[in-house]
Amino acid sequence: YLLEKGWNVIALDPEEKSQHIIQKRFSNCSNLQFTRANFKEISWEMVDLMNCSYVLPFCEKEYFDTLMQKIVANIKPGGRFSGNFFGSLHSWNHLCLVSKEKALSYFYHFDIEYIHEVKEHKISALGDEVYFHNLDVVGRKKD
């Protein structure tokens, strides 16, 4: 959607498979830059929108605070964050889970425009039943 609307998009993923899918699907897209990197290897740029859809829980727990500080620091004033956190009640406790209060604590320089919390039993993409605790957040960084 962002590419269709003319945005310059930087996509990051550590998986080689993802790189091949992106290159094949968007081969003629000059406003897309794909970087194969994990959270610690990211080369940070100031951006208007940082979209972190279902990636933050996969950060190493001991690096999560640093990652979140880098994310909010690299959003331009007036820019937005959109993303998902797995809440502290989520079944996948081997991932990086945070409480709603902890997640929102990173955004003290933001006006929260949307927040939605989900707590329900679901079948995951892997086919197992999980207690899904998810927090969706969209916020605008104050000028």
Protein backbone atom coordinates (compact mmCIF):
# COMPACT_ATOMS: atom_id res chain seq x y z
CA TYR A 1 0.00 0.00 0.00
CA LEU A 2 2.74 2.45 0.95
CA LEU A 3 4.64 1.70 -2.24
CA GLU A 4 1.49 2.22 -4.31
CA LYS A 5 1.04 5.62 -2.66
CA GLY A 6 4.57 6.68 -3.63
CA TRP A 7 6.29 6.30 -0.26
CA ASN A 8 9.95 5.37 -0.09
CA VAL A 9 10.00 2.14 1.91
CA ILE A 10 12.87 0.52 3.75
CA ALA A 11 12.07 -3.12 4.53
CA LEU A 12 14.15 -5.13 6.97
CA ASP A 13 14.22 -8.86 7.61
CA PRO A 14 17.03 -11.23 8.60
CA GLU A 15 15.75 -14.18 6.54
CA GLU A 16 17.16 -15.01 3.13
CA LYS A 17 13.77 -16.43 2.12
CA SER A 18 12.16 -13.05 2.78
CA GLN A 19 14.77 -11.33 0.65
CA HIS A 20 13.96 -13.60 -2.31
CA ILE A 21 10.21 -13.06 -1.92
CA ILE A 22 10.58 -9.27 -1.74
CA GLN A 23 12.97 -9.13 -4.71
CA LYS A 24 10.64 -11.27 -6.83
CA ARG A 25 7.41 -9.52 -5.85
CA PHE A 26 8.75 -5.95 -6.08
CA SER A 27 11.48 -6.26 -8.71
CA ASN A 28 10.32 -3.16 -10.61
CA CYS A 29 9.84 -0.99 -7.55
CA SER A 30 12.45 1.76 -7.34
CA ASN A 31 11.12 3.22 -4.08
CA LEU A 32 11.76 0.01 -2.09
CA GLN A 33 15.04 -0.70 -0.35
CA PHE A 34 15.37 -4.15 1.27
CA THR A 35 18.05 -4.84 3.85
CA ARG A 36 18.71 -8.28 5.23
CA ALA A 37 19.56 -7.62 8.86
CA ASN A 38 18.53 -8.44 12.40
CA PHE A 39 17.60 -5.84 15.01
CA LYS A 40 21.18 -5.25 16.14
CA GLU A 41 22.51 -4.78 12.58
CA ILE A 42 20.02 -2.16 11.43
CA SER A 43 21.44 1.02 9.99
CA TRP A 44 19.09 3.65 11.40
CA GLU A 45 17.63 6.54 9.41
CA MET A 46 15.16 9.23 10.42
CA VAL A 47 11.75 8.27 9.04
CA ASP A 48 8.20 9.57 8.82
CA LEU A 49 6.66 6.18 9.62
CA MET A 50 8.06 3.20 11.49
CA ASN A 51 5.82 0.18 11.01
CA CYS A 52 6.70 -2.77 13.23
CA SER A 53 4.01 -5.33 12.45
CA TYR A 54 4.50 -8.57 14.37
CA VAL A 55 8.29 -8.25 14.62
CA LEU A 56 8.96 -6.74 18.05
CA PRO A 57 8.22 -9.94 20.01
CA PHE A 58 11.06 -11.64 18.14
CA CYS A 59 13.67 -9.24 19.47
CA GLU A 60 16.11 -10.67 22.01
CA LYS A 61 14.70 -9.85 25.45
CA GLU A 62 17.92 -8.22 26.68
CA TYR A 63 18.03 -5.92 23.60
CA PHE A 64 14.35 -4.87 23.58
CA ASP A 65 14.70 -1.62 25.55
CA THR A 66 17.59 -0.52 23.33
CA LEU A 67 15.62 -1.37 20.20
CA MET A 68 12.59 0.61 21.34
CA GLN A 69 14.77 3.61 22.23
CA LYS A 70 16.28 3.51 18.73
CA ILE A 71 12.88 3.17 17.09
CA VAL A 72 11.34 6.19 18.81
CA ALA A 73 14.53 8.27 18.41
CA ASN A 74 14.51 7.73 14.64
CA ILE A 75 10.96 8.85 13.99
CA LYS A 76 10.83 12.45 12.83
CA PRO A 77 8.71 14.95 14.78
CA GLY A 78 5.18 14.62 13.39
CA GLY A 79 6.00 11.10 12.19
CA ARG A 80 4.21 7.97 13.27
CA PHE A 81 4.83 4.61 14.85
CA SER A 82 2.55 1.69 14.11
CA GLY A 83 3.17 -1.74 15.47
CA ASN A 84 2.26 -4.70 17.60
CA PHE A 85 3.46 -5.97 20.93
CA PHE A 86 2.75 -9.36 22.42
CA GLY A 87 1.34 -8.78 25.88
CA SER A 88 2.53 -10.37 29.09
CA LEU A 89 -0.28 -12.96 28.99
CA HIS A 90 0.65 -14.37 25.56
CA SER A 91 1.27 -18.14 25.46
CA TRP A 92 4.58 -17.76 23.64
CA ASN A 93 6.52 -16.69 26.71
CA HIS A 94 9.86 -17.54 25.05
CA LEU A 95 9.38 -14.37 23.00
CA CYS A 96 9.72 -10.78 24.18
CA LEU A 97 6.45 -10.04 25.96
CA VAL A 98 5.59 -6.70 27.53
CA SER A 99 2.72 -5.35 29.57
CA LYS A 100 0.47 -2.69 28.09
CA GLU A 101 1.96 -0.17 30.52
CA LYS A 102 5.53 -1.06 29.51
CA ALA A 103 4.71 -0.85 25.79
CA LEU A 104 3.11 2.57 26.17
CA SER A 105 5.97 3.83 28.34
CA TYR A 106 8.19 4.05 25.25
CA PHE A 107 5.84 6.60 23.68
CA TYR A 108 5.88 9.45 26.18
CA HIS A 109 6.81 11.86 23.33
CA PHE A 110 3.87 10.63 21.25
CA ASP A 111 0.16 11.28 21.04
CA ILE A 112 -1.42 7.82 20.96
CA GLU A 113 -3.95 7.83 18.12
CA TYR A 114 -5.03 4.20 18.24
CA ILE A 115 -4.67 1.39 20.72
CA HIS A 116 -6.34 -1.99 20.59
CA GLU A 117 -5.76 -4.89 22.93
CA VAL A 118 -6.75 -8.46 22.06
CA LYS A 119 -6.94 -11.34 24.54
CA GLU A 120 -8.28 -14.57 23.04
CA HIS A 121 -7.53 -18.19 22.23
CA LYS A 122 -6.51 -18.57 18.59
CA ILE A 123 -4.86 -20.98 16.20
CA SER A 124 -1.47 -19.55 15.24
CA ALA A 125 0.02 -19.47 11.74
CA LEU A 126 1.99 -22.54 12.85
CA GLY A 127 -1.24 -24.41 13.61
CA ASP A 128 -0.98 -24.56 17.39
CA GLU A 129 -3.53 -23.17 19.82
CA VAL A 130 -2.26 -20.17 21.76
CA TYR A 131 -3.59 -17.62 24.16
CA PHE A 132 -3.10 -14.55 22.01
CA HIS A 133 -2.43 -11.32 23.87
CA ASN A 134 -1.68 -8.57 21.39
CA LEU A 135 -1.46 -4.81 21.64
CA ASP A 136 -1.73 -2.69 18.48
CA VAL A 137 -0.44 0.87 18.81
CA VAL A 138 -0.38 3.87 16.49
CA GLY A 139 1.07 7.12 17.68
CA ARG A 140 2.23 10.47 16.32
CA LYS A 141 5.49 11.90 17.62
CA LYS A 142 5.02 15.34 19.09
CA ASP A 143 6.67 18.27 17.29
